[in-house]
Amino acid sequence: MPSAMKQLLASALGYALMASGAGLAEEIPHQRSIALIDKTWAVSLDMTGYRVQADGVKPDSRRYVLATNDAAAMQLSVTLEAVSGQATEQGCLAHLHRIAQTAAAPSHAGPTRTEINQLPVFEYLLHETSAGRTDQFHLFACTNKDNVYADIHLSHSGTTTVDASQLRKVLESLSIVAAAQPGSLDYFRAGSAPYLQGQFKQAIPHYERAVALERTNPSLDKALWRLLVHNLGVAYRRSGDLARAKTTIDYGLSQEPANPSFHYDLARTYAGMNERDRAMQSLHDAFLHFRRSNDREPIPDPRQDVSFGRFMLDPAFRTLTESLMQPAI
């Protein structure tokens, strides 16, 4: 995958959306609901005063939100993780105990076990002695529902008793609510997590749902929509379903007939079908439209593309690829 597409995919997933300044992040009005794509419920927290710095799905499929309250020097992260079996209160306690064993240095007092809003909570204060560094107060909480663990971490630098109380108020507001209806971006993120792990069959249902929503109610910007179509086509092709890969790319070309990337994807699909002439025509079209466009991301060299390996000893195909890679005059 070209570097620009990798960066776009990381940004779309959300875990790389770290704003360079507070003004660039999303300010949260009051309650914020955080859910996994396949759940009808969500974890809701009062995050008034916080701004979202990262919101998305990590490559391992964990749902992740990071927010900061710059005025109060507080930070909040929420992670939802699905497991294979039932999530239990004992599992939450085991998770918190692991944190307790690693969070505080031996020279500091160990975490204190408490309970907030019926949630098991570990809290501890790290005293910093280095010049220019401030104390940090941490709260770790865990809750469980169905096969999902929700991990909540709040921290504050330069803490006071009042500041600790402000952190606890966030946990006091936690509730389980009905999840909002997912949109195209939600399904795109959910599919991209397994896609990045090479789990293409697991990515397909989420990508299919995203494309279906885009057909009836477009909401993604053009760059993400193109990446969605490309990724679904690749997922089908890498899963051996060449017919659906072609249908997906045909849909992309029906919307953007001059898109070089879609023509190149179609050439790869025809190569998988062992249709040499059609693969050659699509390659020709890909480079033709690329040279007419302002696209800065270069098309891959088909001579180095394993998708066309079966044709590289064919004189006509080899001649075409050599001509395509010659500088445009």
C-alpha atoms as a PDB file:
ATOM      1  CA  MET A   1       0.000   0.000   0.000  1.00  0.00           C
ATOM      2  CA  PRO A   2       1.456   3.412  -0.943  1.00  0.00           C
ATOM      3  CA  SER A   3       2.645   5.557   1.968  1.00  0.00           C
ATOM      4  CA  ALA A   4      -0.008   8.239   1.432  1.00  0.00           C
ATOM      5  CA  MET A   5      -2.763   5.606   1.596  1.00  0.00           C
ATOM      6  CA  LYS A   6      -1.271   4.161   4.790  1.00  0.00           C
ATOM      7  CA  GLN A   7      -1.286   7.598   6.406  1.00  0.00           C
ATOM      8  CA  LEU A   8      -4.865   8.204   5.323  1.00  0.00           C
ATOM      9  CA  LEU A   9      -5.958   4.825   6.654  1.00  0.00           C
ATOM     10  CA  ALA A  10      -4.259   5.472   9.998  1.00  0.00           C
ATOM     11  CA  SER A  11      -5.987   8.834  10.234  1.00  0.00           C
ATOM     12  CA  ALA A  12      -9.331   7.318   9.325  1.00  0.00           C
ATOM     13  CA  LEU A  13      -8.952   4.728  12.051  1.00  0.00           C
ATOM     14  CA  GLY A  14      -8.622   7.587  14.486  1.00  0.00           C
ATOM     15  CA  TYR A  15      -5.800   6.306  16.682  1.00  0.00           C
ATOM     16  CA  ALA A  16      -3.378   8.592  14.786  1.00  0.00           C
ATOM     17  CA  LEU A  17      -5.589  11.676  14.929  1.00  0.00           C
ATOM     18  CA  MET A  18      -3.511  13.551  17.468  1.00  0.00           C
ATOM     19  CA  ALA A  19      -4.340  17.234  17.152  1.00  0.00           C
ATOM     20  CA  SER A  20      -1.381  19.605  17.115  1.00  0.00           C
ATOM     21  CA  GLY A  21      -3.271  22.088  19.233  1.00  0.00           C
ATOM     22  CA  ALA A  22      -6.328  22.192  21.455  1.00  0.00           C
ATOM     23  CA  GLY A  23      -8.163  24.359  18.960  1.00  0.00           C
ATOM     24  CA  LEU A  24      -7.888  21.646  16.306  1.00  0.00           C
ATOM     25  CA  ALA A  25      -9.511  18.953  18.392  1.00  0.00           C
ATOM     26  CA  GLU A  26     -13.204  18.289  18.823  1.00  0.00           C
ATOM     27  CA  GLU A  27     -14.757  19.858  21.907  1.00  0.00           C
ATOM     28  CA  ILE A  28     -17.246  17.636  23.705  1.00  0.00           C
ATOM     29  CA  PRO A  29     -20.446  19.404  24.821  1.00  0.00           C
ATOM     30  CA  HIS A  30     -21.526  17.072  27.650  1.00  0.00           C
ATOM     31  CA  GLN A  31     -22.146  13.337  27.524  1.00  0.00           C
ATOM     32  CA  ARG A  32     -20.004  11.242  25.185  1.00  0.00           C
ATOM     33  CA  SER A  33     -21.027   7.729  24.120  1.00  0.00           C
ATOM     34  CA  ILE A  34     -18.368   5.223  23.062  1.00  0.00           C
ATOM     35  CA  ALA A  35     -19.329   1.898  21.481  1.00  0.00           C
ATOM     36  CA  LEU A  36     -18.045  -1.071  19.543  1.00  0.00           C
ATOM     37  CA  ILE A  37     -19.517  -1.388  16.062  1.00  0.00           C
ATOM     38  CA  ASP A  38     -21.412  -4.627  16.736  1.00  0.00           C
ATOM     39  CA  LYS A  39     -22.921  -3.654  20.098  1.00  0.00           C
ATOM     40  CA  THR A  40     -26.313  -2.064  20.724  1.00  0.00           C
ATOM     41  CA  TRP A  41     -25.043  -0.369  23.898  1.00  0.00           C
ATOM     42  CA  ALA A  42     -22.385   2.239  24.649  1.00  0.00           C
ATOM     43  CA  VAL A  43     -20.380   3.563  27.588  1.00  0.00           C
ATOM     44  CA  SER A  44     -21.456   7.131  28.330  1.00  0.00           C
ATOM     45  CA  LEU A  45     -19.376   9.677  30.291  1.00  0.00           C
ATOM     46  CA  ASP A  46     -19.799  13.351  31.113  1.00  0.00           C
ATOM     47  CA  MET A  47     -16.724  14.813  29.385  1.00  0.00           C
ATOM     48  CA  THR A  48     -17.652  18.494  29.627  1.00  0.00           C
ATOM     49  CA  GLY A  49     -14.565  20.654  29.134  1.00  0.00           C
ATOM     50  CA  TYR A  50     -12.604  17.931  27.351  1.00  0.00           C
ATOM     51  CA  ARG A  51     -11.449  17.945  23.751  1.00  0.00           C
ATOM     52  CA  VAL A  52     -11.016  14.751  21.754  1.00  0.00           C
ATOM     53  CA  GLN A  53      -7.445  14.207  20.579  1.00  0.00           C
ATOM     54  CA  ALA A  54      -7.902  10.680  19.201  1.00  0.00           C
ATOM     55  CA  ASP A  55     -11.079   8.760  18.454  1.00  0.00           C
ATOM     56  CA  GLY A  56     -11.183   5.538  16.501  1.00  0.00           C
ATOM     57  CA  VAL A  57     -10.288   1.877  16.284  1.00  0.00           C
ATOM     58  CA  LYS A  58      -6.800   0.513  16.828  1.00  0.00           C
ATOM     59  CA  PRO A  59      -5.406  -2.134  14.440  1.00  0.00           C
ATOM     60  CA  ASP A  60      -6.165  -4.807  17.069  1.00  0.00           C
ATOM     61  CA  SER A  61      -9.871  -3.734  16.933  1.00  0.00           C
ATOM     62  CA  ARG A  62      -9.939  -2.019  20.331  1.00  0.00           C
ATOM     63  CA  ARG A  63     -12.141   1.089  20.419  1.00  0.00           C
ATOM     64  CA  TYR A  64     -10.144   4.006  21.769  1.00  0.00           C
ATOM     65  CA  VAL A  65     -10.825   7.608  22.771  1.00  0.00           C
ATOM     66  CA  LEU A  66      -8.284  10.065  24.176  1.00  0.00           C
ATOM     67  CA  ALA A  67      -9.392  13.487  25.428  1.00  0.00           C
ATOM     68  CA  THR A  68      -7.760  16.322  27.337  1.00  0.00           C
ATOM     69  CA  ASN A  69      -8.979  19.142  29.530  1.00  0.00           C
ATOM     70  CA  ASP A  70      -6.173  21.635  29.030  1.00  0.00           C
ATOM     71  CA  ALA A  71      -7.566  24.231  31.420  1.00  0.00           C
ATOM     72  CA  ALA A  72      -7.521  21.711  34.290  1.00  0.00           C
ATOM     73  CA  ALA A  73      -4.423  19.776  33.104  1.00  0.00           C
ATOM     74  CA  MET A  74      -6.439  16.549  33.004  1.00  0.00           C
ATOM     75  CA  GLN A  75      -6.398  13.665  30.534  1.00  0.00           C
ATOM     76  CA  LEU A  76      -8.922  10.895  29.918  1.00  0.00           C
ATOM     77  CA  SER A  77      -8.688   7.716  27.879  1.00  0.00           C
ATOM     78  CA  VAL A  78     -11.334   5.044  27.328  1.00  0.00           C
ATOM     79  CA  THR A  79     -10.636   1.669  25.726  1.00  0.00           C
ATOM     80  CA  LEU A  80     -13.274  -0.926  24.836  1.00  0.00           C
ATOM     81  CA  GLU A  81     -11.962  -4.413  24.157  1.00  0.00           C
ATOM     82  CA  ALA A  82     -13.976  -7.467  23.136  1.00  0.00           C
ATOM     83  CA  VAL A  83     -12.769 -10.860  24.382  1.00  0.00           C
ATOM     84  CA  SER A  84     -13.623 -14.391  23.332  1.00  0.00           C
ATOM     85  CA  GLY A  85     -15.590 -15.254  26.469  1.00  0.00           C
ATOM     86  CA  GLN A  86     -17.786 -13.481  28.969  1.00  0.00           C
ATOM     87  CA  ALA A  87     -16.282 -10.341  30.532  1.00  0.00           C
ATOM     88  CA  THR A  88     -16.496 -10.548  34.315  1.00  0.00           C
ATOM     89  CA  GLU A  89     -15.997  -8.384  37.391  1.00  0.00           C
ATOM     90  CA  GLN A  90     -13.182 -10.735  38.383  1.00  0.00           C
ATOM     91  CA  GLY A  91     -11.560 -10.031  35.022  1.00  0.00           C
ATOM     92  CA  CYS A  92     -11.772  -6.310  35.721  1.00  0.00           C
ATOM     93  CA  LEU A  93     -10.148  -6.763  39.121  1.00  0.00           C
ATOM     94  CA  ALA A  94      -7.366  -8.870  37.621  1.00  0.00           C
ATOM     95  CA  HIS A  95      -6.741  -6.114  35.058  1.00  0.00           C
ATOM     96  CA  LEU A  96      -6.546  -3.458  37.777  1.00  0.00           C
ATOM     97  CA  HIS A  97      -4.193  -5.596  39.841  1.00  0.00           C
ATOM     98  CA  ARG A  98      -1.861  -5.871  36.850  1.00  0.00           C
ATOM     99  CA  ILE A  99      -1.884  -2.081  36.632  1.00  0.00           C
ATOM    100  CA  ALA A 100      -1.203  -1.849  40.361  1.00  0.00           C
ATOM    101  CA  GLN A 101       1.884  -4.032  39.994  1.00  0.00           C
ATOM    102  CA  THR A 102       3.407  -1.915  37.244  1.00  0.00           C
ATOM    103  CA  ALA A 103       2.024   1.615  37.594  1.00  0.00           C
ATOM    104  CA  ALA A 104       3.776   2.935  40.680  1.00  0.00           C
ATOM    105  CA  ALA A 105       7.533   2.849  41.236  1.00  0.00           C
ATOM    106  CA  PRO A 106       8.721   1.013  44.366  1.00  0.00           C
ATOM    107  CA  SER A 107       9.576   4.329  46.024  1.00  0.00           C
ATOM    108  CA  HIS A 108       5.971   5.511  45.821  1.00  0.00           C
ATOM    109  CA  ALA A 109       2.967   4.433  47.825  1.00  0.00           C
ATOM    110  CA  GLY A 110       1.029   1.666  46.122  1.00  0.00           C
ATOM    111  CA  PRO A 111      -2.372   2.301  44.520  1.00  0.00           C
ATOM    112  CA  THR A 112      -5.386   2.629  46.793  1.00  0.00           C
ATOM    113  CA  ARG A 113      -8.380   0.411  46.044  1.00  0.00           C
ATOM    114  CA  THR A 114     -11.709   2.221  46.124  1.00  0.00           C
ATOM    115  CA  GLU A 115     -15.097   2.182  44.412  1.00  0.00           C
ATOM    116  CA  ILE A 116     -16.883   4.911  42.425  1.00  0.00           C
ATOM    117  CA  ASN A 117     -20.360   4.471  40.975  1.00  0.00           C
ATOM    118  CA  GLN A 118     -20.057   0.737  41.771  1.00  0.00           C
ATOM    119  CA  LEU A 119     -16.880   0.580  39.669  1.00  0.00           C
ATOM    120  CA  PRO A 120     -13.670  -0.900  41.074  1.00  0.00           C
ATOM    121  CA  VAL A 121     -11.070   1.877  41.001  1.00  0.00           C
ATOM    122  CA  PHE A 122      -7.354   2.066  41.715  1.00  0.00           C
ATOM    123  CA  GLU A 123      -5.908   5.499  42.394  1.00  0.00           C
ATOM    124  CA  TYR A 124      -2.372   6.574  43.119  1.00  0.00           C
ATOM    125  CA  LEU A 125      -0.153   9.647  43.275  1.00  0.00           C
ATOM    126  CA  LEU A 126       3.263   9.775  41.660  1.00  0.00           C
ATOM    127  CA  HIS A 127       5.576  12.283  43.337  1.00  0.00           C
ATOM    128  CA  GLU A 128       8.073  13.779  40.921  1.00  0.00           C
ATOM    129  CA  THR A 129      11.294  15.110  42.405  1.00  0.00           C
ATOM    130  CA  SER A 130      13.007  16.180  39.197  1.00  0.00           C
ATOM    131  CA  ALA A 131      13.213  19.896  38.572  1.00  0.00           C
ATOM    132  CA  GLY A 132      10.416  21.203  36.397  1.00  0.00           C
ATOM    133  CA  ARG A 133       8.236  18.099  36.789  1.00  0.00           C
ATOM    134  CA  THR A 134       4.962  17.959  38.723  1.00  0.00           C
ATOM    135  CA  ASP A 135       3.098  15.310  40.687  1.00  0.00           C
ATOM    136  CA  GLN A 136       0.627  13.152  38.781  1.00  0.00           C
ATOM    137  CA  PHE A 137      -2.595  11.718  40.157  1.00  0.00           C
ATOM    138  CA  HIS A 138      -4.066   8.682  38.358  1.00  0.00           C
ATOM    139  CA  LEU A 139      -7.409   6.909  38.451  1.00  0.00           C
ATOM    140  CA  PHE A 140      -7.886   3.536  36.747  1.00  0.00           C
ATOM    141  CA  ALA A 141     -11.359   2.029  36.499  1.00  0.00           C
ATOM    142  CA  CYS A 142     -12.809  -0.994  34.744  1.00  0.00           C
ATOM    143  CA  THR A 143     -16.320  -2.147  33.924  1.00  0.00           C
ATOM    144  CA  ASN A 144     -17.663  -5.080  31.956  1.00  0.00           C
ATOM    145  CA  LYS A 145     -20.708  -5.982  29.893  1.00  0.00           C
ATOM    146  CA  ASP A 146     -21.313  -8.990  27.654  1.00  0.00           C
ATOM    147  CA  ASN A 147     -17.885  -9.910  26.247  1.00  0.00           C
ATOM    148  CA  VAL A 148     -16.455  -6.379  26.511  1.00  0.00           C
ATOM    149  CA  TYR A 149     -14.145  -4.743  29.034  1.00  0.00           C
ATOM    150  CA  ALA A 150     -14.144  -0.944  29.333  1.00  0.00           C
ATOM    151  CA  ASP A 151     -10.897   0.497  30.674  1.00  0.00           C
ATOM    152  CA  ILE A 152     -11.032   4.130  31.865  1.00  0.00           C
ATOM    153  CA  HIS A 153      -7.904   6.045  32.815  1.00  0.00           C
ATOM    154  CA  LEU A 154      -7.937   9.601  34.180  1.00  0.00           C
ATOM    155  CA  SER A 155      -4.871  11.587  35.174  1.00  0.00           C
ATOM    156  CA  HIS A 156      -3.941  15.052  36.344  1.00  0.00           C
ATOM    157  CA  SER A 157      -0.612  16.840  36.707  1.00  0.00           C
ATOM    158  CA  GLY A 158       0.035  19.046  39.746  1.00  0.00           C
ATOM    159  CA  THR A 159      -2.939  17.569  41.577  1.00  0.00           C
ATOM    160  CA  THR A 160      -4.819  18.863  44.587  1.00  0.00           C
ATOM    161  CA  THR A 161      -7.732  17.366  46.494  1.00  0.00           C
ATOM    162  CA  VAL A 162     -10.148  19.437  44.410  1.00  0.00           C
ATOM    163  CA  ASP A 163      -8.577  18.211  41.178  1.00  0.00           C
ATOM    164  CA  ALA A 164      -8.865  14.591  42.301  1.00  0.00           C
ATOM    165  CA  SER A 165     -12.535  15.240  42.979  1.00  0.00           C
ATOM    166  CA  GLN A 166     -12.964  16.530  39.421  1.00  0.00           C
ATOM    167  CA  LEU A 167     -11.512  13.291  38.078  1.00  0.00           C
ATOM    168  CA  ARG A 168     -13.822  11.206  40.221  1.00  0.00           C
ATOM    169  CA  LYS A 169     -16.861  13.128  38.939  1.00  0.00           C
ATOM    170  CA  VAL A 170     -16.189  11.786  35.441  1.00  0.00           C
ATOM    171  CA  LEU A 171     -16.415   8.218  36.747  1.00  0.00           C
ATOM    172  CA  GLU A 172     -19.517   9.089  38.771  1.00  0.00           C
ATOM    173  CA  SER A 173     -21.227  10.039  35.495  1.00  0.00           C
ATOM    174  CA  LEU A 174     -20.563   6.684  33.800  1.00  0.00           C
ATOM    175  CA  SER A 175     -23.595   4.806  32.541  1.00  0.00           C
ATOM    176  CA  ILE A 176     -24.522   2.227  29.892  1.00  0.00           C
ATOM    177  CA  VAL A 177     -26.832   3.650  27.229  1.00  0.00           C
ATOM    178  CA  ALA A 178     -28.219   2.631  23.856  1.00  0.00           C
ATOM    179  CA  ALA A 179     -25.646   3.038  21.103  1.00  0.00           C
ATOM    180  CA  ALA A 180     -26.245   5.439  18.244  1.00  0.00           C
ATOM    181  CA  GLN A 181     -26.758   4.002  14.763  1.00  0.00           C
ATOM    182  CA  PRO A 182     -23.312   3.507  13.171  1.00  0.00           C
ATOM    183  CA  GLY A 183     -22.475   5.456  10.031  1.00  0.00           C
ATOM    184  CA  SER A 184     -20.195   4.866   7.048  1.00  0.00           C
ATOM    185  CA  LEU A 185     -17.107   6.055   8.914  1.00  0.00           C
ATOM    186  CA  ASP A 186     -17.834   3.740  11.845  1.00  0.00           C
ATOM    187  CA  TYR A 187     -18.065   0.710   9.568  1.00  0.00           C
ATOM    188  CA  PHE A 188     -15.020   1.870   7.627  1.00  0.00           C
ATOM    189  CA  ARG A 189     -12.994   2.029  10.845  1.00  0.00           C
ATOM    190  CA  ALA A 190     -14.289  -1.344  12.019  1.00  0.00           C
ATOM    191  CA  GLY A 191     -13.277  -2.964   8.726  1.00  0.00           C
ATOM    192  CA  SER A 192      -9.907  -1.264   8.572  1.00  0.00           C
ATOM    193  CA  ALA A 193      -8.746  -2.740  11.886  1.00  0.00           C
ATOM    194  CA  PRO A 194      -8.723  -6.385  10.646  1.00  0.00           C
ATOM    195  CA  TYR A 195      -7.692  -5.192   7.162  1.00  0.00           C
ATOM    196  CA  LEU A 196      -4.438  -3.815   8.554  1.00  0.00           C
ATOM    197  CA  GLN A 197      -3.818  -7.191  10.186  1.00  0.00           C
ATOM    198  CA  GLY A 198      -4.291  -9.017   6.878  1.00  0.00           C
ATOM    199  CA  GLN A 199      -7.610 -10.484   8.075  1.00  0.00           C
ATOM    200  CA  PHE A 200      -9.444  -9.653   4.863  1.00  0.00           C
ATOM    201  CA  LYS A 201     -12.487 -11.901   5.331  1.00  0.00           C
ATOM    202  CA  GLN A 202     -13.184 -10.243   8.692  1.00  0.00           C
ATOM    203  CA  ALA A 203     -12.900  -6.807   7.096  1.00  0.00           C
ATOM    204  CA  ILE A 204     -15.344  -7.484   4.266  1.00  0.00           C
ATOM    205  CA  PRO A 205     -18.703  -7.365   6.159  1.00  0.00           C
ATOM    206  CA  HIS A 206     -17.886  -3.963   7.694  1.00  0.00           C
ATOM    207  CA  TYR A 207     -16.623  -2.536   4.406  1.00  0.00           C
ATOM    208  CA  GLU A 208     -19.689  -3.879   2.599  1.00  0.00           C
ATOM    209  CA  ARG A 209     -21.951  -2.102   5.064  1.00  0.00           C
ATOM    210  CA  ALA A 210     -19.997   1.127   4.645  1.00  0.00           C
ATOM    211  CA  VAL A 211     -20.293   0.954   0.841  1.00  0.00           C
ATOM    212  CA  ALA A 212     -24.016   0.200   1.084  1.00  0.00           C
ATOM    213  CA  LEU A 213     -24.518   3.297   3.242  1.00  0.00           C
ATOM    214  CA  GLU A 214     -22.422   5.398   0.868  1.00  0.00           C
ATOM    215  CA  ARG A 215     -24.581   4.330  -2.075  1.00  0.00           C
ATOM    216  CA  THR A 216     -27.748   5.590  -0.392  1.00  0.00           C
ATOM    217  CA  ASN A 217     -26.474   8.388   1.837  1.00  0.00           C
ATOM    218  CA  PRO A 218     -22.913   9.539   0.997  1.00  0.00           C
ATOM    219  CA  SER A 219     -21.081  11.051   3.961  1.00  0.00           C
ATOM    220  CA  LEU A 220     -17.384  10.199   3.549  1.00  0.00           C
ATOM    221  CA  ASP A 221     -15.074  12.718   1.954  1.00  0.00           C
ATOM    222  CA  LYS A 222     -13.668  11.750  -1.445  1.00  0.00           C
ATOM    223  CA  ALA A 223     -10.299  10.543  -0.169  1.00  0.00           C
ATOM    224  CA  LEU A 224     -11.867   8.168   2.381  1.00  0.00           C
ATOM    225  CA  TRP A 225     -14.498   6.975  -0.098  1.00  0.00           C
ATOM    226  CA  ARG A 226     -11.765   6.089  -2.620  1.00  0.00           C
ATOM    227  CA  LEU A 227      -9.827   4.246   0.075  1.00  0.00           C
ATOM    228  CA  LEU A 228     -12.972   2.366   1.129  1.00  0.00           C
ATOM    229  CA  VAL A 229     -13.630   1.159  -2.425  1.00  0.00           C
ATOM    230  CA  HIS A 230      -9.972   0.249  -2.924  1.00  0.00           C
ATOM    231  CA  ASN A 231      -9.763  -1.667   0.366  1.00  0.00           C
ATOM    232  CA  LEU A 232     -12.973  -3.603  -0.227  1.00  0.00           C
ATOM    233  CA  GLY A 233     -11.774  -4.561  -3.710  1.00  0.00           C
ATOM    234  CA  VAL A 234      -8.432  -5.702  -2.280  1.00  0.00           C
ATOM    235  CA  ALA A 235     -10.156  -7.626   0.536  1.00  0.00           C
ATOM    236  CA  TYR A 236     -12.314  -9.499  -1.977  1.00  0.00           C
ATOM    237  CA  ARG A 237      -9.352 -10.174  -4.254  1.00  0.00           C
ATOM    238  CA  ARG A 238      -7.095 -11.356  -1.438  1.00  0.00           C
ATOM    239  CA  SER A 239      -9.935 -13.598  -0.221  1.00  0.00           C
ATOM    240  CA  GLY A 240     -10.262 -15.183  -3.667  1.00  0.00           C
ATOM    241  CA  ASP A 241     -13.601 -13.602  -4.585  1.00  0.00           C
ATOM    242  CA  LEU A 242     -12.526 -12.004  -7.866  1.00  0.00           C
ATOM    243  CA  ALA A 243     -16.052 -11.501  -9.181  1.00  0.00           C
ATOM    244  CA  ARG A 244     -17.002  -9.287  -6.233  1.00  0.00           C
ATOM    245  CA  ALA A 245     -13.638  -7.542  -6.403  1.00  0.00           C
ATOM    246  CA  LYS A 246     -14.460  -6.568  -9.987  1.00  0.00           C
ATOM    247  CA  THR A 247     -17.984  -5.467  -9.062  1.00  0.00           C
ATOM    248  CA  THR A 248     -16.561  -3.235  -6.334  1.00  0.00           C
ATOM    249  CA  ILE A 249     -14.018  -1.579  -8.628  1.00  0.00           C
ATOM    250  CA  ASP A 250     -16.662  -1.204 -11.353  1.00  0.00           C
ATOM    251  CA  TYR A 251     -18.740   0.711  -8.805  1.00  0.00           C
ATOM    252  CA  GLY A 252     -15.769   2.967  -8.098  1.00  0.00           C
ATOM    253  CA  LEU A 253     -15.223   3.600 -11.808  1.00  0.00           C
ATOM    254  CA  SER A 254     -18.918   4.334 -12.302  1.00  0.00           C
ATOM    255  CA  GLN A 255     -18.438   7.290  -9.946  1.00  0.00           C
ATOM    256  CA  GLU A 256     -14.930   8.276 -11.064  1.00  0.00           C
ATOM    257  CA  PRO A 257     -14.196   6.932 -14.571  1.00  0.00           C
ATOM    258  CA  ALA A 258     -10.794   8.645 -14.720  1.00  0.00           C
ATOM    259  CA  ASN A 259      -9.485   7.375 -11.364  1.00  0.00           C
ATOM    260  CA  PRO A 260      -6.035   5.829 -12.092  1.00  0.00           C
ATOM    261  CA  SER A 261      -6.006   3.764  -8.903  1.00  0.00           C
ATOM    262  CA  PHE A 262      -9.311   2.082  -9.739  1.00  0.00           C
ATOM    263  CA  HIS A 263      -8.083   1.189 -13.241  1.00  0.00           C
ATOM    264  CA  TYR A 264      -4.927  -0.275 -11.732  1.00  0.00           C
ATOM    265  CA  ASP A 265      -6.993  -2.262  -9.198  1.00  0.00           C
ATOM    266  CA  LEU A 266      -9.105  -3.567 -12.065  1.00  0.00           C
ATOM    267  CA  ALA A 267      -5.958  -4.651 -13.914  1.00  0.00           C
ATOM    268  CA  ARG A 268      -4.862  -6.635 -10.853  1.00  0.00           C
ATOM    269  CA  THR A 269      -8.283  -8.260 -10.672  1.00  0.00           C
ATOM    270  CA  TYR A 270      -8.226  -9.222 -14.364  1.00  0.00           C
ATOM    271  CA  ALA A 271      -4.765 -10.684 -13.822  1.00  0.00           C
ATOM    272  CA  GLY A 272      -6.177 -12.852 -11.057  1.00  0.00           C
ATOM    273  CA  MET A 273      -8.855 -13.998 -13.503  1.00  0.00           C
ATOM    274  CA  ASN A 274      -6.088 -14.802 -16.028  1.00  0.00           C
ATOM    275  CA  GLU A 275      -7.576 -12.333 -18.509  1.00  0.00           C
ATOM    276  CA  ARG A 276      -4.372 -10.927 -20.007  1.00  0.00           C
ATOM    277  CA  ASP A 277      -5.861  -8.627 -22.631  1.00  0.00           C
ATOM    278  CA  ARG A 278      -8.259  -6.959 -20.198  1.00  0.00           C
ATOM    279  CA  ALA A 279      -5.463  -6.589 -17.642  1.00  0.00           C
ATOM    280  CA  MET A 280      -3.318  -4.904 -20.296  1.00  0.00           C
ATOM    281  CA  GLN A 281      -6.130  -2.533 -21.275  1.00  0.00           C
ATOM    282  CA  SER A 282      -6.773  -1.563 -17.658  1.00  0.00           C
ATOM    283  CA  LEU A 283      -3.069  -0.963 -17.061  1.00  0.00           C
ATOM    284  CA  HIS A 284      -2.954   1.232 -20.140  1.00  0.00           C
ATOM    285  CA  ASP A 285      -5.981   3.202 -18.898  1.00  0.00           C
ATOM    286  CA  ALA A 286      -4.466   3.552 -15.412  1.00  0.00           C
ATOM    287  CA  PHE A 287      -1.283   5.181 -16.708  1.00  0.00           C
ATOM    288  CA  LEU A 288      -3.158   7.267 -19.271  1.00  0.00           C
ATOM    289  CA  HIS A 289      -5.412   8.824 -16.623  1.00  0.00           C
ATOM    290  CA  PHE A 290      -2.522   9.172 -14.173  1.00  0.00           C
ATOM    291  CA  ARG A 291      -0.535  11.270 -16.647  1.00  0.00           C
ATOM    292  CA  ARG A 292      -3.567  13.450 -17.262  1.00  0.00           C
ATOM    293  CA  SER A 293      -4.189  13.991 -13.558  1.00  0.00           C
ATOM    294  CA  ASN A 294      -2.488  15.929 -10.783  1.00  0.00           C
ATOM    295  CA  ASP A 295      -2.121  12.802  -8.636  1.00  0.00           C
ATOM    296  CA  ARG A 296       1.149  12.990  -6.695  1.00  0.00           C
ATOM    297  CA  GLU A 297       1.053   9.389  -5.479  1.00  0.00           C
ATOM    298  CA  PRO A 298       2.803   7.338  -8.215  1.00  0.00           C
ATOM    299  CA  ILE A 299       1.250   4.213  -9.658  1.00  0.00           C
ATOM    300  CA  PRO A 300       3.122   1.024  -8.690  1.00  0.00           C
ATOM    301  CA  ASP A 301       5.559  -0.427 -11.195  1.00  0.00           C
ATOM    302  CA  PRO A 302       3.630  -3.394 -12.686  1.00  0.00           C
ATOM    303  CA  ARG A 303       6.946  -5.135 -13.432  1.00  0.00           C
ATOM    304  CA  GLN A 304       7.507  -5.424  -9.683  1.00  0.00           C
ATOM    305  CA  ASP A 305       3.879  -6.252  -8.818  1.00  0.00           C
ATOM    306  CA  VAL A 306       3.310  -9.899  -7.893  1.00  0.00           C
ATOM    307  CA  SER A 307      -0.272  -9.557  -9.161  1.00  0.00           C
ATOM    308  CA  PHE A 308       1.094  -9.656 -12.716  1.00  0.00           C
ATOM    309  CA  GLY A 309       3.712 -12.339 -12.146  1.00  0.00           C
ATOM    310  CA  ARG A 310       1.920 -14.867 -14.356  1.00  0.00           C
ATOM    311  CA  PHE A 311       2.210 -12.509 -17.344  1.00  0.00           C
ATOM    312  CA  MET A 312       5.740 -11.221 -17.010  1.00  0.00           C
ATOM    313  CA  LEU A 313       7.197 -13.833 -19.389  1.00  0.00           C
ATOM    314  CA  ASP A 314       4.607 -12.922 -22.008  1.00  0.00           C
ATOM    315  CA  PRO A 315       6.366 -10.713 -24.628  1.00  0.00           C
ATOM    316  CA  ALA A 316       3.336  -8.487 -25.314  1.00  0.00           C
ATOM    317  CA  PHE A 317       2.653  -7.887 -21.638  1.00  0.00           C
ATOM    318  CA  ARG A 318       6.318  -7.240 -20.895  1.00  0.00           C
ATOM    319  CA  THR A 319       6.547  -4.770 -23.786  1.00  0.00           C
ATOM    320  CA  LEU A 320       3.507  -2.900 -22.502  1.00  0.00           C
ATOM    321  CA  THR A 321       4.842  -2.589 -18.958  1.00  0.00           C
ATOM    322  CA  GLU A 322       8.222  -1.392 -20.208  1.00  0.00           C
ATOM    323  CA  SER A 323       6.533   1.285 -22.310  1.00  0.00           C
ATOM    324  CA  LEU A 324       4.282   2.375 -19.476  1.00  0.00           C
ATOM    325  CA  MET A 325       7.267   2.970 -17.188  1.00  0.00           C
ATOM    326  CA  GLN A 326       9.029   5.181 -19.717  1.00  0.00           C
ATOM    327  CA  PRO A 327       9.026   8.895 -18.844  1.00  0.00           C
ATOM    328  CA  ALA A 328       6.152  10.775 -20.432  1.00  0.00           C
ATOM    329  CA  ILE A 329       7.239  12.965 -23.350  1.00  0.00           C
END
